[in-house]
Amino acid sequence: MVVTICIGSSCHIKGSREIVRILEQQIALHKLENKVELNGSFCMGQCVKGVCVKIGEDIFSLSPENTNNFFEKEVLGRLKE
């Protein structure tokens, strides 16, 4: 699974670096280094929505505060399917 995080200037200001850190911690905690790949991307064109994170064609708007819930629901949930 590839998870792409926007690291463009707008998302950077809104906390993309912290979101990357949280996702890296969750991947290590769940020992998913071989199943989840984090990628960075500049501007996904959704600047007003917050930090954009993409899985497949689905785009999510994250903040550092909701990143753990996103990981549990979207990443772990999709891996269990």
Protein backbone atom coordinates (compact mmCIF):
# COMPACT_ATOMS: atom_id res chain seq x y z
CA MET A 1 0.00 0.00 0.00
CA VAL A 2 1.30 3.43 -0.93
CA VAL A 3 0.33 6.40 1.24
CA THR A 4 1.21 9.76 -0.29
CA ILE A 5 1.41 12.86 1.90
CA CYS A 6 1.39 16.35 0.45
CA ILE A 7 4.46 18.28 1.58
CA GLY A 8 3.76 21.42 -0.43
CA SER A 9 3.99 24.77 1.33
CA SER A 10 0.33 25.00 2.40
CA CYS A 11 0.25 21.46 3.81
CA HIS A 12 3.67 21.92 5.38
CA ILE A 13 2.34 24.90 7.34
CA LYS A 14 -0.69 22.81 8.40
CA GLY A 15 1.47 20.02 9.86
CA SER A 16 2.50 17.58 7.13
CA ARG A 17 5.87 16.96 8.79
CA GLU A 18 4.14 15.91 12.03
CA ILE A 19 1.73 13.69 10.08
CA VAL A 20 4.66 11.94 8.39
CA ARG A 21 6.26 11.40 11.82
CA ILE A 22 3.04 9.93 13.26
CA LEU A 23 2.55 7.62 10.27
CA GLU A 24 6.15 6.43 10.49
CA GLN A 25 5.63 5.62 14.18
CA GLN A 26 2.40 3.73 13.49
CA ILE A 27 3.97 1.73 10.66
CA ALA A 28 6.89 0.74 12.93
CA LEU A 29 4.58 -0.03 15.87
CA HIS A 30 2.49 -2.40 13.74
CA LYS A 31 5.57 -3.80 11.94
CA LEU A 32 4.20 -2.85 8.53
CA GLU A 33 7.41 -1.59 6.94
CA ASN A 34 7.08 -4.21 4.17
CA LYS A 35 3.40 -3.45 3.54
CA VAL A 36 3.07 0.35 3.75
CA GLU A 37 5.19 2.80 1.78
CA LEU A 38 5.13 6.52 2.55
CA ASN A 39 5.70 8.94 -0.31
CA GLY A 40 5.80 12.70 -0.43
CA SER A 41 4.17 14.83 -3.10
CA PHE A 42 4.10 18.52 -3.85
CA CYS A 43 0.61 20.03 -4.10
CA MET A 44 -2.31 17.74 -4.80
CA GLY A 45 -4.50 20.73 -5.66
CA GLN A 46 -6.59 20.49 -2.49
CA CYS A 47 -4.85 23.21 -0.47
CA VAL A 48 -7.99 24.49 1.27
CA LYS A 49 -8.73 21.06 2.74
CA GLY A 50 -5.69 20.78 4.99
CA VAL A 51 -2.92 18.25 4.74
CA CYS A 52 -3.84 15.99 1.84
CA VAL A 53 -3.07 12.30 2.11
CA LYS A 54 -3.81 9.90 -0.71
CA ILE A 55 -4.34 6.13 -0.76
CA GLY A 56 -5.04 4.90 -4.26
CA GLU A 57 -7.46 7.41 -5.75
CA ASP A 58 -8.91 8.41 -2.34
CA ILE A 59 -7.80 11.76 -0.93
CA PHE A 60 -8.15 12.52 2.78
CA SER A 61 -7.76 15.75 4.69
CA LEU A 62 -5.70 15.21 7.83
CA SER A 63 -4.40 17.12 10.79
CA PRO A 64 -1.88 15.82 13.30
CA GLU A 65 -4.79 15.33 15.72
CA ASN A 66 -6.74 12.91 13.52
CA THR A 67 -3.81 11.01 11.96
CA ASN A 68 -3.91 8.07 14.39
CA ASN A 69 -7.62 7.54 13.70
CA PHE A 70 -6.95 7.75 9.96
CA PHE A 71 -4.22 5.11 10.29
CA GLU A 72 -6.47 2.72 12.19
CA LYS A 73 -9.47 3.14 9.92
CA GLU A 74 -7.97 3.59 6.47
CA VAL A 75 -4.55 1.91 6.57
CA LEU A 76 -5.15 -0.96 8.97
CA GLY A 77 -8.73 -1.35 7.72
CA ARG A 78 -7.63 -1.67 4.10
CA LEU A 79 -4.84 -4.12 4.96
CA LYS A 80 -7.37 -6.42 6.66
CA GLU A 81 -9.60 -6.55 3.57
